[in-house]
C-alpha cells in the first residue's frame, strides 16, 4: 500500500529541474529488469539511513514508506562530520 508520504516525496523529487530526464534515463536501463516479490508484503519493505561510530548510533532515519529515504547528500555530510 502506498502511503501519502511516498506520493509527496515523488512530487517533490519530480518537480525539480531535470528530474524527469534523470528518471527516464534510469528507467531506460531497467527495461529488461522486472522484479515481482514472492509475497505482496515484501513489495513495501522499508529501509533507513544509519550512521554509526563503533556501537553508537549517531544518526538514524527510518523510511516511512517507499521513496521517503533520507537525502543521500545530507547523509554523506553527516558521516563526514562524524568522522572528523
Protein backbone atom coordinates (compact mmCIF):
# COMPACT_ATOMS: atom_id res chain seq x y z
CA UNK A 1 0.00 0.00 0.00
CA UNK A 2 1.38 3.39 -0.96
CA UNK A 3 1.24 5.97 1.79
CA UNK A 4 0.74 9.70 1.25
CA UNK A 5 4.37 10.35 2.21
CA UNK A 6 5.51 8.36 -0.83
CA UNK A 7 3.37 10.39 -3.22
CA UNK A 8 4.54 13.68 -1.70
CA UNK A 9 8.19 12.61 -1.88
CA UNK A 10 7.80 11.65 -5.54
CA UNK A 11 6.11 15.02 -6.21
CA UNK A 12 8.99 16.87 -4.54
CA UNK A 13 11.58 14.89 -6.44
CA UNK A 14 9.92 15.17 -9.86
CA UNK A 15 9.23 18.89 -9.56
CA UNK A 16 12.97 19.67 -9.54
CA UNK A 17 14.51 20.86 -12.83
CA UNK A 18 15.84 17.99 -14.94
CA UNK A 19 14.46 15.31 -12.64
CA UNK A 20 12.17 13.73 -15.24
CA UNK A 21 15.09 13.42 -17.67
CA UNK A 22 17.08 11.63 -14.96
CA UNK A 23 14.14 9.36 -14.20
CA UNK A 24 13.74 8.32 -17.84
CA UNK A 25 17.49 7.68 -18.15
CA UNK A 26 17.37 5.36 -15.16
CA UNK A 27 14.16 3.62 -16.18
CA UNK A 28 15.53 3.06 -19.68
CA UNK A 29 18.30 0.93 -18.18
CA UNK A 30 15.73 -1.20 -16.33
CA UNK A 31 13.63 -2.14 -19.36
CA UNK A 32 14.51 -5.82 -19.00
CA UNK A 33 14.62 -5.89 -15.21
CA UNK A 34 11.35 -6.95 -13.65
CA UNK A 35 11.10 -7.95 -10.04
CA UNK A 36 7.92 -9.35 -8.61
CA UNK A 37 8.30 -10.22 -4.94
CA UNK A 38 7.06 -13.64 -3.87
CA UNK A 39 4.86 -12.11 -1.16
CA UNK A 40 2.91 -8.86 -1.50
CA UNK A 41 4.13 -7.57 1.87
CA UNK A 42 7.69 -7.73 0.53
CA UNK A 43 6.82 -5.04 -2.00
CA UNK A 44 6.53 -2.49 0.79
CA UNK A 45 9.74 -3.26 2.67
CA UNK A 46 11.17 -0.07 4.09
CA UNK A 47 14.75 0.87 4.70
CA UNK A 48 16.58 3.55 6.51
CA UNK A 49 19.78 5.52 6.82
CA UNK A 50 22.11 4.96 9.75
CA UNK A 51 25.45 6.39 10.79
CA UNK A 52 27.45 4.62 13.48
CA UNK A 53 30.63 5.22 15.43
CA UNK A 54 31.59 1.82 16.75
CA UNK A 55 28.44 0.65 18.59
CA UNK A 56 26.99 4.17 18.97
CA UNK A 57 24.18 5.24 16.66
CA UNK A 58 24.97 8.82 15.63
CA UNK A 59 22.08 9.21 13.21
CA UNK A 60 19.00 7.13 12.40
CA UNK A 61 16.34 7.74 9.80
CA UNK A 62 13.62 5.13 9.27
CA UNK A 63 11.87 5.40 5.91
CA UNK A 64 8.16 5.97 6.45
CA UNK A 65 7.28 4.36 3.14
CA UNK A 66 8.94 3.56 -0.20
CA UNK A 67 10.61 6.62 -1.68
CA UNK A 68 10.88 8.56 1.57
CA UNK A 69 14.57 7.87 2.14
CA UNK A 70 16.88 10.41 3.73
CA UNK A 71 18.74 12.77 1.39
CA UNK A 72 21.99 10.96 0.46
CA UNK A 73 23.97 14.21 0.21
CA UNK A 74 22.92 15.19 3.72
CA UNK A 75 23.73 11.68 4.98
CA UNK A 76 27.22 11.93 3.47
CA UNK A 77 27.75 15.31 5.11
CA UNK A 78 26.70 13.89 8.49
CA UNK A 79 29.00 10.88 8.04
CA UNK A 80 31.97 13.07 7.11
CA UNK A 81 31.29 15.37 10.07
CA UNK A 82 31.08 12.35 12.39
CA UNK A 83 34.39 11.01 11.06
CA UNK A 84 36.26 14.23 11.83
